[in-house]
Protein backbone atom coordinates (compact mmCIF):
# COMPACT_ATOMS: atom_id res chain seq x y z
CA MET A 1 66.51 -162.42 95.19
CA PRO A 2 67.69 -159.02 93.81
CA ALA A 3 69.16 -158.96 90.35
CA MET A 4 72.93 -158.76 90.08
CA MET A 5 74.42 -155.45 88.99
CA PRO A 6 75.91 -155.52 85.49
CA SER A 7 79.66 -155.34 84.99
CA ILE A 8 81.78 -153.55 82.42
CA GLN A 9 82.35 -156.96 80.81
CA ASP A 10 78.58 -157.32 80.31
CA ALA A 11 78.46 -153.98 78.50
CA ILE A 12 81.44 -154.93 76.30
CA ALA A 13 79.91 -158.32 75.42
CA LEU A 14 76.62 -156.65 74.48
CA ALA A 15 78.41 -154.09 72.28
CA GLN A 16 80.38 -156.86 70.56
CA ARG A 17 77.16 -158.78 69.91
CA MET A 18 75.65 -155.68 68.30
CA ALA A 19 78.77 -155.18 66.15
CA GLN A 20 78.76 -158.79 64.94
CA ASN A 21 75.07 -158.91 64.06
CA PRO A 22 73.74 -155.65 62.59
CA SER A 23 70.20 -157.00 62.72
CA ASP A 24 70.40 -157.01 66.54
CA SER A 25 71.84 -153.51 66.80
CA VAL A 26 68.50 -151.69 66.80
CA SER A 27 66.78 -154.04 69.22
CA LEU A 28 69.73 -154.14 71.65
CA ALA A 29 70.52 -150.41 71.62
CA GLY A 30 68.14 -149.67 74.49
CA GLN A 31 69.49 -152.57 76.53
CA LEU A 32 73.06 -151.31 76.06
CA VAL A 33 72.11 -147.85 77.32
CA GLU A 34 70.40 -149.34 80.40
CA THR A 35 73.39 -151.59 81.09
CA ILE A 36 75.85 -148.69 80.95
CA GLN A 37 73.64 -146.52 83.17
CA ALA A 38 73.42 -149.32 85.73
CA LEU A 39 77.19 -149.89 85.98
CA PRO A 40 78.49 -149.48 89.56
CA PRO A 41 81.23 -146.93 90.34
CA PHE A 42 84.85 -147.99 90.20
CA ALA A 43 86.29 -149.32 93.46
CA GLY A 44 88.36 -146.15 93.96
CA GLU A 45 85.24 -144.00 93.92
CA LEU A 46 83.81 -146.03 96.79
CA LEU A 47 86.89 -145.59 98.97
CA SER A 48 87.02 -141.78 99.10
CA ARG A 49 84.58 -138.91 98.82
CA PRO A 50 84.71 -136.57 95.83
CA HIS A 51 87.38 -133.88 96.19
CA PHE A 52 85.20 -131.18 94.68
CA GLU A 53 81.81 -131.14 96.38
CA ARG A 54 81.12 -127.63 95.10
CA ALA A 55 82.77 -124.96 93.03
CA SER A 56 84.90 -122.29 94.64
CA LEU A 57 83.48 -118.79 94.12
CA TRP A 58 86.47 -116.88 95.46
CA THR A 59 90.22 -117.39 95.13
CA LEU A 60 91.95 -115.41 97.87
CA GLY A 61 95.71 -115.48 97.52
CA CYS A 62 98.99 -113.85 98.37
CA SER A 63 102.45 -114.17 96.86
CA PHE A 64 106.06 -113.95 97.96
CA GLU A 65 108.90 -112.99 95.61
CA ASN A 66 112.64 -113.58 95.83
CA VAL A 67 112.57 -115.47 99.12
CA PRO A 68 116.22 -116.07 100.17
CA ALA A 69 117.53 -119.34 101.58
CA THR A 70 118.30 -117.66 104.89
CA GLY A 71 116.52 -114.94 106.77
CA SER A 72 112.83 -114.09 106.59
CA VAL A 73 110.49 -112.02 104.46
CA PRO A 74 107.56 -109.92 105.67
CA PRO A 75 104.25 -111.75 106.13
CA GLN A 76 101.48 -111.19 103.61
CA VAL A 77 97.90 -110.34 104.59
CA ILE A 78 94.70 -111.49 102.88
CA ARG A 79 91.69 -109.35 103.82
CA MET A 80 88.25 -110.88 103.45
CA PRO A 81 86.21 -108.95 100.84
CA HIS A 82 82.94 -110.45 102.13
CA ASP A 83 81.72 -112.86 104.75
CA VAL A 84 83.26 -116.05 103.41
CA TRP A 85 83.54 -119.75 104.05
CA ILE A 86 87.16 -120.84 103.53
CA ARG A 87 87.02 -124.29 101.96
CA ALA A 88 90.63 -125.17 101.12
CA VAL A 89 94.23 -124.00 100.83
CA GLN A 90 96.91 -124.74 98.26
CA VAL A 91 100.56 -123.71 97.85
CA GLN A 92 102.80 -123.48 94.77
CA VAL A 93 106.51 -122.63 94.81
CA TYR A 94 108.75 -121.72 91.85
CA PRO A 95 112.52 -121.68 92.49
CA VAL A 96 115.20 -119.99 90.45
CA LEU A 97 116.92 -122.81 88.61
CA ALA A 98 120.33 -121.12 88.35
CA PRO A 99 121.88 -117.67 87.80
CA PHE A 100 121.76 -116.27 84.27
CA ASP A 101 125.52 -116.67 83.89
CA ALA A 102 125.63 -120.24 85.22
CA SER A 103 127.63 -122.82 83.32
CA PHE A 104 125.96 -125.74 81.61
CA ALA A 105 127.33 -128.09 84.27
CA ALA A 106 125.85 -125.97 87.08
CA LEU A 107 122.54 -125.68 85.27
CA SER A 108 122.40 -129.44 84.67
CA LEU A 109 123.19 -130.17 88.32
CA ALA A 110 120.51 -127.77 89.54
CA ALA A 111 117.91 -129.26 87.17
CA SER A 112 118.65 -132.85 88.22
CA THR A 113 118.58 -131.85 91.89
CA LEU A 114 115.22 -130.11 91.53
CA ARG A 115 113.86 -133.14 89.68
CA ALA A 116 114.91 -135.39 92.55
CA LEU A 117 113.36 -132.99 95.05
CA ARG A 118 110.10 -133.00 93.12
CA PHE A 119 109.75 -136.75 93.52
CA SER A 120 110.87 -136.79 97.17
CA THR A 121 109.17 -133.68 98.56
CA GLY A 122 106.01 -133.18 96.50
CA ASP A 123 104.60 -131.61 93.35
CA ASN A 124 104.32 -127.89 92.61
CA GLY A 125 107.50 -127.16 94.57
CA ARG A 126 105.63 -127.43 97.86
CA GLY A 127 108.54 -129.22 99.51
CA LEU A 128 110.76 -126.16 99.08
CA ALA A 129 109.00 -123.89 101.58
CA ARG A 130 107.60 -123.74 105.08
CA VAL A 131 104.34 -121.89 105.68
CA ASN A 132 102.12 -120.71 108.48
CA TRP A 133 98.86 -118.76 108.70
CA ARG A 134 97.23 -116.77 111.47
CA LEU A 135 93.73 -115.37 111.82
CA ASP A 136 93.68 -111.62 112.51
CA ALA A 137 97.43 -111.85 113.33
CA ARG A 138 96.58 -113.42 116.69
CA GLN A 139 95.49 -117.04 116.46
CA GLY A 140 98.12 -119.37 115.00
CA TRP A 141 96.76 -122.38 113.11
CA ILE A 142 100.00 -124.35 112.67
CA SER A 143 101.40 -125.80 115.88
CA SER A 144 103.65 -128.58 117.14
CA GLY A 145 101.26 -129.11 120.04
CA GLN A 146 103.38 -126.93 122.28
CA SER A 147 104.07 -123.82 120.20
CA GLU A 148 103.32 -122.22 116.85
CA ILE A 149 105.62 -123.30 114.00
CA LEU A 150 106.12 -122.94 110.26
CA ALA A 151 105.45 -126.36 108.74
CA PRO A 152 106.55 -127.78 105.38
CA ALA A 153 103.99 -126.78 102.75
CA ALA A 154 104.05 -130.34 101.37
CA ILE A 155 102.45 -131.51 104.63
CA ILE A 156 99.75 -128.91 105.20
CA SER A 157 98.68 -127.76 101.72
CA GLY A 158 97.28 -130.87 100.07
CA ASP A 159 99.02 -133.29 97.74
CA GLY A 160 99.90 -131.02 94.82
CA CYS A 161 96.82 -132.04 92.87
CA PHE A 162 94.04 -131.53 95.42
CA PRO A 163 94.11 -128.83 98.13
CA ALA A 164 93.96 -129.29 101.89
CA ASP A 165 90.37 -128.97 103.12
CA LYS A 166 89.45 -126.10 105.43
CA ASP A 167 86.25 -125.12 107.22
CA TRP A 168 86.57 -121.52 108.41
CA GLN A 169 83.72 -119.02 108.40
CA LEU A 170 85.22 -115.54 108.42
CA GLN A 171 83.60 -112.13 108.44
CA LYS A 172 84.27 -109.24 106.09
CA GLU A 173 87.50 -107.35 106.93
CA GLN A 174 88.95 -110.23 108.93
CA VAL A 175 92.45 -111.09 107.76
CA ILE A 176 94.58 -114.19 107.27
CA GLU A 177 98.25 -113.45 107.88
CA VAL A 178 100.52 -115.78 105.91
CA ARG A 179 104.22 -116.38 106.52
CA LEU A 180 106.61 -118.31 104.30
CA GLU A 181 110.26 -119.39 104.51
CA ASN A 182 112.70 -120.93 102.06
CA LEU A 183 113.40 -124.56 103.00
CA PHE A 184 116.39 -125.19 100.70
CA ALA A 185 119.03 -124.72 103.40
CA ASP A 186 117.48 -127.52 105.48
CA LEU A 187 117.37 -130.08 102.66
CA GLN A 188 121.11 -130.88 102.82
CA MET A 189 121.36 -131.36 99.06
CA GLY A 190 124.82 -129.87 98.69
CA ALA A 191 126.26 -126.41 98.16
CA ALA A 192 124.69 -126.14 94.70
CA VAL A 193 121.21 -125.64 96.12
CA THR A 194 121.56 -124.48 99.73
CA ASP A 195 121.50 -120.84 98.59
CA MET A 196 118.78 -121.20 95.96
CA LEU A 197 116.24 -118.43 95.70
CA LEU A 198 112.48 -118.98 95.64
CA ARG A 199 111.53 -116.66 92.79
CA TRP A 200 107.80 -116.84 93.46
CA ALA A 201 105.59 -118.62 95.98
CA VAL A 202 101.78 -118.46 96.05
CA VAL A 203 99.45 -119.36 98.92
CA THR A 204 95.82 -119.58 97.82
CA PHE A 205 92.66 -120.01 99.88
CA TRP A 206 89.50 -121.11 98.08
CA ALA A 207 86.28 -119.73 99.50
CA GLU A 208 82.55 -119.35 99.05
CA GLU A 209 80.71 -116.14 99.78
CA LEU A 210 78.24 -116.46 102.65
CA ASP A 211 74.74 -115.09 102.17
CA GLN A 212 74.00 -111.89 104.01
CA PRO A 213 71.05 -112.01 106.45
CA GLN A 214 67.89 -110.40 105.09
CA ILE A 215 66.74 -107.26 106.98
CA GLN A 216 63.00 -107.31 107.57
């Protein structure tokens, strides 16, 4: 019958025994090290794979400034500097809290509204924008199943802590065209925020450089 795996309680009990009896400390030190090394992973580590299987070698990004609540801004283009393997995408959005001459009451209202939005729509301001990306300005990646759309960044760009995984192998000089829209007007949070400006929004693709074939 195989031996049972030790638990964290076993390691704590062994450490307490060593602390209570200094004469046992030297003889039990090796056993404590082996017990700690043999501890199983926490339950959460068994339920999901690691988020970072490898380091990202390239950060390929684009940014949008002063995105109004209505209307559109020109798309941004990311050109591949090498043959790359796109591994993930992440979005961050930074709104303007209030005009410089805003009253304290207006500033307080805007701050409390943004705080509520943070908890209801996602971290890093991702719930304040819609995004979309195309490959070489032709193939749209975000679709409703019937047509191409701009989707809320909170849905398609990870969870604010970890990015959304991707698996694209692109060649040098290929481009990713990124579009972004302000989502404030659709949130129905009152007149205080429907015209809020997105001061800065960043869409970042993490990539690894692919090895070039060797010429014989």
